C-alpha atoms as a PDB file:
ATOM      1  CA  MET A   1      12.116 -10.284  56.922  1.00  0.00           C
ATOM      2  CA  ARG A   2      11.043 -11.809  60.399  1.00  0.00           C
ATOM      3  CA  LYS A   3       8.122 -13.768  58.573  1.00  0.00           C
ATOM      4  CA  ASN A   4      10.467 -15.000  56.129  1.00  0.00           C
ATOM      5  CA  ILE A   5      13.133 -16.027  58.705  1.00  0.00           C
ATOM      6  CA  PHE A   6       9.943 -18.335  60.544  1.00  0.00           C
ATOM      7  CA  VAL A   7       8.852 -19.525  57.309  1.00  0.00           C
ATOM      8  CA  LEU A   8      12.726 -21.012  56.853  1.00  0.00           C
ATOM      9  CA  SER A   9      12.540 -22.411  59.786  1.00  0.00           C
ATOM     10  CA  VAL A  10       9.591 -24.057  59.849  1.00  0.00           C
ATOM     11  CA  LEU A  11      10.676 -25.473  56.346  1.00  0.00           C
ATOM     12  CA  MET A  12      13.867 -26.533  57.627  1.00  0.00           C
ATOM     13  CA  PHE A  13      11.827 -28.422  60.453  1.00  0.00           C
ATOM     14  CA  PHE A  14      10.086 -30.650  58.025  1.00  0.00           C
ATOM     15  CA  LEU A  15      13.038 -31.497  55.744  1.00  0.00           C
ATOM     16  CA  LEU A  16      14.809 -32.602  58.560  1.00  0.00           C
ATOM     17  CA  PHE A  17      11.440 -34.299  60.035  1.00  0.00           C
ATOM     18  CA  SER A  18      10.987 -36.302  56.602  1.00  0.00           C
ATOM     19  CA  CYS A  19      14.734 -37.596  56.096  1.00  0.00           C
ATOM     20  CA  GLN A  20      14.921 -39.020  59.801  1.00  0.00           C
ATOM     21  CA  LYS A  21      11.654 -40.399  58.984  1.00  0.00           C
ATOM     22  CA  LYS A  22      12.886 -41.905  55.752  1.00  0.00           C
ATOM     23  CA  PHE A  23      15.898 -43.003  57.219  1.00  0.00           C
ATOM     24  CA  TYR A  24      14.641 -45.129  59.868  1.00  0.00           C
ATOM     25  CA  ASN A  25      11.851 -46.795  57.351  1.00  0.00           C
ATOM     26  CA  GLU A  26      14.923 -48.121  54.890  1.00  0.00           C
ATOM     27  CA  VAL A  27      16.954 -49.406  58.233  1.00  0.00           C
ATOM     28  CA  PRO A  28      14.828 -51.102  60.768  1.00  0.00           C
ATOM     29  CA  PHE A  29      15.669 -51.623  63.883  1.00  0.00           C
ATOM     30  CA  LYS A  30      15.598 -55.056  64.211  1.00  0.00           C
ATOM     31  CA  ILE A  31      15.829 -56.958  60.865  1.00  0.00           C
ATOM     32  CA  THR A  32      14.104 -60.713  61.040  1.00  0.00           C
ATOM     33  CA  TYR A  33      14.940 -63.838  58.620  1.00  0.00           C
ATOM     34  CA  ASN A  34      14.519 -66.951  58.273  1.00  0.00           C
ATOM     35  CA  GLN A  35      17.231 -69.307  59.559  1.00  0.00           C
ATOM     36  CA  GLN A  36      15.738 -72.952  57.895  1.00  0.00           C
ATOM     37  CA  GLU A  37      15.248 -70.949  54.591  1.00  0.00           C
ATOM     38  CA  ILE A  38      18.779 -69.565  54.276  1.00  0.00           C
ATOM     39  CA  MET A  39      20.363 -72.642  55.305  1.00  0.00           C
ATOM     40  CA  ALA A  40      18.139 -74.700  52.480  1.00  0.00           C
ATOM     41  CA  LYS A  41      19.497 -72.200  50.158  1.00  0.00           C
ATOM     42  CA  LEU A  42      23.196 -72.471  51.502  1.00  0.00           C
ATOM     43  CA  GLY A  43      22.674 -76.501  51.512  1.00  0.00           C
ATOM     44  CA  ILE A  44      23.789 -76.578  55.174  1.00  0.00           C
ATOM     45  CA  LEU A  45      22.336 -79.419  56.894  1.00  0.00           C
ATOM     46  CA  PRO A  46      20.553 -79.642  60.121  1.00  0.00           C
ATOM     47  CA  ASN A  47      22.528 -79.895  63.145  1.00  0.00           C
ATOM     48  CA  THR A  48      21.340 -83.648  64.770  1.00  0.00           C
ATOM     49  CA  PRO A  49      23.417 -85.050  67.465  1.00  0.00           C
ATOM     50  CA  ASN A  50      25.348 -87.680  67.408  1.00  0.00           C
ATOM     51  CA  THR A  51      23.630 -90.656  68.975  1.00  0.00           C
ATOM     52  CA  PRO A  52      25.314 -93.950  68.099  1.00  0.00           C
ATOM     53  CA  ASN A  53      22.777 -96.940  68.232  1.00  0.00           C
ATOM     54  CA  THR A  54      22.427 -98.630  71.568  1.00  0.00           C
ATOM     55  CA  LEU A  55      23.068-101.749  69.239  1.00  0.00           C
ATOM     56  CA  PRO A  56      25.084-102.354  66.101  1.00  0.00           C
ATOM     57  CA  ILE A  57      23.083-102.568  62.859  1.00  0.00           C
ATOM     58  CA  LYS A  58      24.286-106.097  62.666  1.00  0.00           C
ATOM     59  CA  ASP A  59      22.071-106.848  65.663  1.00  0.00           C
ATOM     60  CA  THR A  60      18.814-105.022  63.981  1.00  0.00           C
ATOM     61  CA  THR A  61      17.453-109.047  63.365  1.00  0.00           C
ATOM     62  CA  LEU A  62      17.441-110.223  67.038  1.00  0.00           C
ATOM     63  CA  THR A  63      14.226-111.250  69.070  1.00  0.00           C
ATOM     64  CA  ASP A  64      13.260-108.458  71.705  1.00  0.00           C
ATOM     65  CA  ARG A  65      14.128-111.440  74.453  1.00  0.00           C
ATOM     66  CA  GLU A  66      18.096-111.216  73.018  1.00  0.00           C
ATOM     67  CA  ILE A  67      18.293-107.686  72.955  1.00  0.00           C
ATOM     68  CA  TYR A  68      16.878-107.248  76.993  1.00  0.00           C
ATOM     69  CA  LEU A  69      19.459-109.887  77.563  1.00  0.00           C
ATOM     70  CA  LYS A  70      22.292-108.359  75.806  1.00  0.00           C
ATOM     71  CA  GLU A  71      21.354-104.608  77.239  1.00  0.00           C
ATOM     72  CA  LYS A  72      21.063-106.277  80.787  1.00  0.00           C
ATOM     73  CA  TYR A  73      24.101-108.459  80.887  1.00  0.00           C
ATOM     74  CA  SER A  74      26.083-105.898  79.165  1.00  0.00           C
ATOM     75  CA  ILE A  75      25.770-103.288  82.219  1.00  0.00           C
ATOM     76  CA  ILE A  76      25.947-105.719  84.834  1.00  0.00           C
ATOM     77  CA  LEU A  77      29.329-107.624  83.491  1.00  0.00           C
ATOM     78  CA  GLY A  78      30.704-104.549  82.476  1.00  0.00           C
ATOM     79  CA  ILE A  79      31.176-104.994  78.864  1.00  0.00           C
ATOM     80  CA  LYS A  80      29.876-103.705  75.386  1.00  0.00           C
ATOM     81  CA  PRO A  81      26.699-104.646  73.983  1.00  0.00           C
ATOM     82  CA  GLU A  82      28.295-106.246  70.906  1.00  0.00           C
ATOM     83  CA  GLU A  83      30.210-108.414  72.923  1.00  0.00           C
ATOM     84  CA  LEU A  84      27.641-110.366  74.332  1.00  0.00           C
ATOM     85  CA  ASN A  85      26.533-113.040  72.023  1.00  0.00           C
ATOM     86  CA  ASN A  86      25.771-116.088  74.079  1.00  0.00           C
ATOM     87  CA  TYR A  87      22.102-115.424  74.235  1.00  0.00           C
ATOM     88  CA  LYS A  88      21.034-118.918  75.589  1.00  0.00           C
ATOM     89  CA  PHE A  89      23.502-119.394  77.686  1.00  0.00           C
ATOM     90  CA  TYR A  90      22.326-115.734  79.591  1.00  0.00           C
ATOM     91  CA  ASP A  91      18.611-116.512  78.855  1.00  0.00           C
ATOM     92  CA  PHE A  92      18.797-120.135  81.131  1.00  0.00           C
ATOM     93  CA  ILE A  93      20.789-118.007  84.072  1.00  0.00           C
ATOM     94  CA  ASP A  94      17.999-115.152  83.683  1.00  0.00           C
ATOM     95  CA  ARG A  95      15.165-117.153  84.625  1.00  0.00           C
ATOM     96  CA  TRP A  96      16.454-118.582  87.895  1.00  0.00           C
ATOM     97  CA  ILE A  97      18.039-115.800  88.888  1.00  0.00           C
ATOM     98  CA  GLY A  98      17.374-115.210  92.554  1.00  0.00           C
ATOM     99  CA  THR A  99      16.115-118.507  92.997  1.00  0.00           C
ATOM    100  CA  PRO A 100      16.283-119.961  96.845  1.00  0.00           C
ATOM    101  CA  TYR A 101      19.420-122.030  97.891  1.00  0.00           C
ATOM    102  CA  SER A 102      18.735-125.732  97.931  1.00  0.00           C
ATOM    103  CA  SER A 103      21.253-128.326  99.991  1.00  0.00           C
ATOM    104  CA  LYS A 104      20.433-130.590  96.843  1.00  0.00           C
ATOM    105  CA  GLY A 105      18.057-131.022  93.768  1.00  0.00           C
ATOM    106  CA  PHE A 106      16.757-128.138  91.434  1.00  0.00           C
ATOM    107  CA  THR A 107      13.547-127.599  91.499  1.00  0.00           C
ATOM    108  CA  MET A 108      10.922-124.605  90.336  1.00  0.00           C
ATOM    109  CA  ASP A 109      11.194-123.177  93.855  1.00  0.00           C
ATOM    110  CA  SER A 110      14.860-123.986  94.967  1.00  0.00           C
ATOM    111  CA  LEU A 111      18.343-124.824  93.299  1.00  0.00           C
ATOM    112  CA  ASN A 112      21.549-126.268  94.220  1.00  0.00           C
ATOM    113  CA  ILE A 113      24.584-125.269  91.917  1.00  0.00           C
ATOM    114  CA  GLY A 114      25.264-129.116  91.277  1.00  0.00           C
ATOM    115  CA  PRO A 115      22.461-129.849  89.426  1.00  0.00           C
ATOM    116  CA  PHE A 116      21.696-126.650  87.949  1.00  0.00           C
ATOM    117  CA  THR A 117      25.266-126.444  86.168  1.00  0.00           C
ATOM    118  CA  SER A 118      23.917-129.832  84.479  1.00  0.00           C
ATOM    119  CA  ALA A 119      20.606-128.318  83.074  1.00  0.00           C
ATOM    120  CA  LEU A 120      22.448-124.998  81.964  1.00  0.00           C
ATOM    121  CA  TYR A 121      25.319-126.716  79.913  1.00  0.00           C
ATOM    122  CA  GLU A 122      22.847-129.166  78.331  1.00  0.00           C
ATOM    123  CA  TYR A 123      20.763-126.103  77.305  1.00  0.00           C
ATOM    124  CA  ALA A 124      23.286-123.577  76.173  1.00  0.00           C
ATOM    125  CA  PHE A 125      26.067-126.427  74.992  1.00  0.00           C
ATOM    126  CA  LYS A 126      24.544-129.439  74.710  1.00  0.00           C
ATOM    127  CA  ARG A 127      27.020-131.512  77.013  1.00  0.00           C
ATOM    128  CA  ASN A 128      25.947-133.923  79.690  1.00  0.00           C
ATOM    129  CA  LEU A 129      27.678-133.048  83.087  1.00  0.00           C
ATOM    130  CA  PRO A 130      27.260-134.993  86.002  1.00  0.00           C
ATOM    131  CA  SER A 131      24.908-133.460  88.531  1.00  0.00           C
ATOM    132  CA  THR A 132      27.447-133.034  91.490  1.00  0.00           C
ATOM    133  CA  PRO A 133      30.386-130.641  91.893  1.00  0.00           C
ATOM    134  CA  LEU A 134      33.124-133.316  92.651  1.00  0.00           C
ATOM    135  CA  GLY A 135      31.597-135.170  89.531  1.00  0.00           C
ATOM    136  CA  ILE A 136      32.041-132.370  87.366  1.00  0.00           C
ATOM    137  CA  PHE A 137      35.157-131.792  88.450  1.00  0.00           C
ATOM    138  CA  LYS A 138      35.927-135.491  87.300  1.00  0.00           C
ATOM    139  CA  SER A 139      34.187-135.380  84.016  1.00  0.00           C
ATOM    140  CA  PRO A 140      35.957-136.349  80.686  1.00  0.00           C
ATOM    141  CA  GLU A 141      34.110-133.419  79.221  1.00  0.00           C
ATOM    142  CA  ILE A 142      36.151-130.894  81.074  1.00  0.00           C
ATOM    143  CA  ASN A 143      39.661-129.763  80.479  1.00  0.00           C
ATOM    144  CA  LEU A 144      41.168-128.342  83.663  1.00  0.00           C
ATOM    145  CA  PHE A 145      43.251-125.477  84.084  1.00  0.00           C
ATOM    146  CA  THR A 146      44.450-123.263  87.038  1.00  0.00           C
ATOM    147  CA  GLY A 147      46.122-120.448  85.688  1.00  0.00           C
ATOM    148  CA  ARG A 148      42.960-117.532  86.444  1.00  0.00           C
ATOM    149  CA  GLU A 149      44.291-114.972  83.714  1.00  0.00           C
ATOM    150  CA  PHE A 150      43.200-117.831  81.397  1.00  0.00           C
ATOM    151  CA  LEU A 151      39.440-117.907  82.274  1.00  0.00           C
ATOM    152  CA  LYS A 152      36.725-117.148  79.949  1.00  0.00           C
ATOM    153  CA  GLU A 153      33.143-117.310  79.628  1.00  0.00           C
ATOM    154  CA  GLY A 154      31.548-120.138  80.453  1.00  0.00           C
ATOM    155  CA  ASP A 155      34.226-121.123  82.439  1.00  0.00           C
ATOM    156  CA  ILE A 156      33.171-123.620  85.644  1.00  0.00           C
ATOM    157  CA  LEU A 157      35.383-122.967  88.893  1.00  0.00           C
ATOM    158  CA  PHE A 158      35.915-125.061  91.661  1.00  0.00           C
ATOM    159  CA  PHE A 159      36.330-124.395  95.370  1.00  0.00           C
ATOM    160  CA  ARG A 160      36.940-126.728  98.316  1.00  0.00           C
ATOM    161  CA  ASN A 161      35.158-125.603 101.303  1.00  0.00           C
ATOM    162  CA  GLU A 162      35.193-128.376 103.595  1.00  0.00           C
ATOM    163  CA  LYS A 163      38.614-130.457 104.444  1.00  0.00           C
ATOM    164  CA  ASP A 164      37.273-133.596 104.273  1.00  0.00           C
ATOM    165  CA  THR A 165      35.666-133.096 100.604  1.00  0.00           C
ATOM    166  CA  ALA A 166      37.828-132.534  97.577  1.00  0.00           C
ATOM    167  CA  ILE A 167      35.306-130.339  95.596  1.00  0.00           C
ATOM    168  CA  GLY A 168      32.449-128.710  97.734  1.00  0.00           C
ATOM    169  CA  ASP A 169      31.363-126.191  95.741  1.00  0.00           C
ATOM    170  CA  ILE A 170      31.228-124.504  92.032  1.00  0.00           C
ATOM    171  CA  ALA A 171      31.009-121.288  90.101  1.00  0.00           C
ATOM    172  CA  ILE A 172      30.348-120.159  86.712  1.00  0.00           C
ATOM    173  CA  TYR A 173      32.525-117.547  85.450  1.00  0.00           C
ATOM    174  CA  LEU A 174      30.929-114.511  83.490  1.00  0.00           C
ATOM    175  CA  ARG A 175      33.332-111.920  82.426  1.00  0.00           C
ATOM    176  CA  ASN A 176      35.275-109.397  84.452  1.00  0.00           C
ATOM    177  CA  ASN A 177      35.842-111.498  87.561  1.00  0.00           C
ATOM    178  CA  LYS A 178      32.011-111.790  87.308  1.00  0.00           C
ATOM    179  CA  ILE A 179      30.526-115.356  88.662  1.00  0.00           C
ATOM    180  CA  LEU A 180      27.822-116.999  89.057  1.00  0.00           C
ATOM    181  CA  VAL A 181      26.995-118.719  92.495  1.00  0.00           C
ATOM    182  CA  SER A 182      24.207-120.172  94.934  1.00  0.00           C
ATOM    183  CA  SER A 183      24.251-118.332  98.024  1.00  0.00           C
ATOM    184  CA  ILE A 184      22.583-119.904 100.794  1.00  0.00           C
ATOM    185  CA  SER A 185      21.307-116.716 102.190  1.00  0.00           C
ATOM    186  CA  GLN A 186      20.631-114.634  98.756  1.00  0.00           C
ATOM    187  CA  GLY A 187      20.057-118.006  96.322  1.00  0.00           C
ATOM    188  CA  LEU A 188      21.407-117.555  92.758  1.00  0.00           C
ATOM    189  CA  ILE A 189      23.421-114.649  92.386  1.00  0.00           C
ATOM    190  CA  ILE A 190      25.960-112.951  90.489  1.00  0.00           C
ATOM    191  CA  SER A 191      29.255-112.246  92.506  1.00  0.00           C
ATOM    192  CA  ASN A 192      32.697-111.376  92.567  1.00  0.00           C
ATOM    193  CA  PHE A 193      35.506-113.769  92.142  1.00  0.00           C
ATOM    194  CA  ASN A 194      38.188-111.544  93.813  1.00  0.00           C
ATOM    195  CA  PHE A 195      35.641-111.769  97.274  1.00  0.00           C
ATOM    196  CA  ASP A 196      38.283-113.506  99.984  1.00  0.00           C
ATOM    197  CA  TYR A 197      36.394-116.702 100.354  1.00  0.00           C
ATOM    198  CA  PHE A 198      36.301-117.796  96.891  1.00  0.00           C
ATOM    199  CA  GLN A 199      40.098-116.563  96.383  1.00  0.00           C
ATOM    200  CA  LEU A 200      40.877-118.796  99.439  1.00  0.00           C
ATOM    201  CA  SER A 201      39.375-121.833  98.613  1.00  0.00           C
ATOM    202  CA  TYR A 202      39.742-121.843  94.692  1.00  0.00           C
ATOM    203  CA  VAL A 203      41.193-125.408  93.387  1.00  0.00           C
ATOM    204  CA  SER A 204      41.188-125.044  89.806  1.00  0.00           C
ATOM    205  CA  ALA A 205      39.156-124.337  86.834  1.00  0.00           C
ATOM    206  CA  GLY A 206      37.327-126.306  83.870  1.00  0.00           C
ATOM    207  CA  ARG A 207      36.343-125.590  80.423  1.00  0.00           C
ATOM    208  CA  LEU A 208      34.068-127.748  78.319  1.00  0.00           C
ATOM    209  CA  TYR A 209      36.805-129.921  75.755  1.00  0.00           C
ATOM    210  CA  TYR A 210      35.014-129.127  72.983  1.00  0.00           C
ATOM    211  CA  ILE A 211      34.659-125.392  73.399  1.00  0.00           C
ATOM    212  CA  ASP A 212      39.078-125.481  74.145  1.00  0.00           C
ATOM    213  CA  GLN A 213      39.493-127.315  70.669  1.00  0.00           C
ATOM    214  CA  GLU A 214      37.830-124.660  69.083  1.00  0.00           C
ATOM    215  CA  ASN A 215      39.605-121.731  70.654  1.00  0.00           C
ATOM    216  CA  ASN A 216      42.516-123.758  69.458  1.00  0.00           C
ATOM    217  CA  LYS A 217      41.722-124.388  65.970  1.00  0.00           C
END
């Protein structure tokens, strides 16, 4: 009797052990799968970051120099890259940024804002302007106005910084109150039109007549 009970116990033990082994073999502890294969079968595209191009598609034909100017000055002026298109204008400016101040003349080593402005407008707009602030102010090529809210890229700003001189200095308006000026201490720089010095000495602004006519068409 005892022998039968012992044999029965042994059989039950092996039966239970074999069932557990079969169960764990059929249901693995960790399921492995190929995520890419599953996504491909379901037609799910990979999740790629949505990073827009730095430049719009229409600008893919630009030269390296034009792309450089667009990226650099859009940051400096706080505008979108696609808003900057006057490459000749900014190309000329960029080549002379940081050039030391000169009381007169325009050379490789120093510049005065009057002859520099004349050279810039000849290069970028094919217009001949005098080489002095007062001469530019009186030029028939320039349409004068005073409203600061109407300022646009390329306008010339006229300042009176001496009592005996009607127009003693000029600056070139860029965008967002950024202006190109020639500083005695820093040379040719981009400054802020809102600085007190400029606001207190400001007389008028001027725009090339042909640009004004194009805008009014």
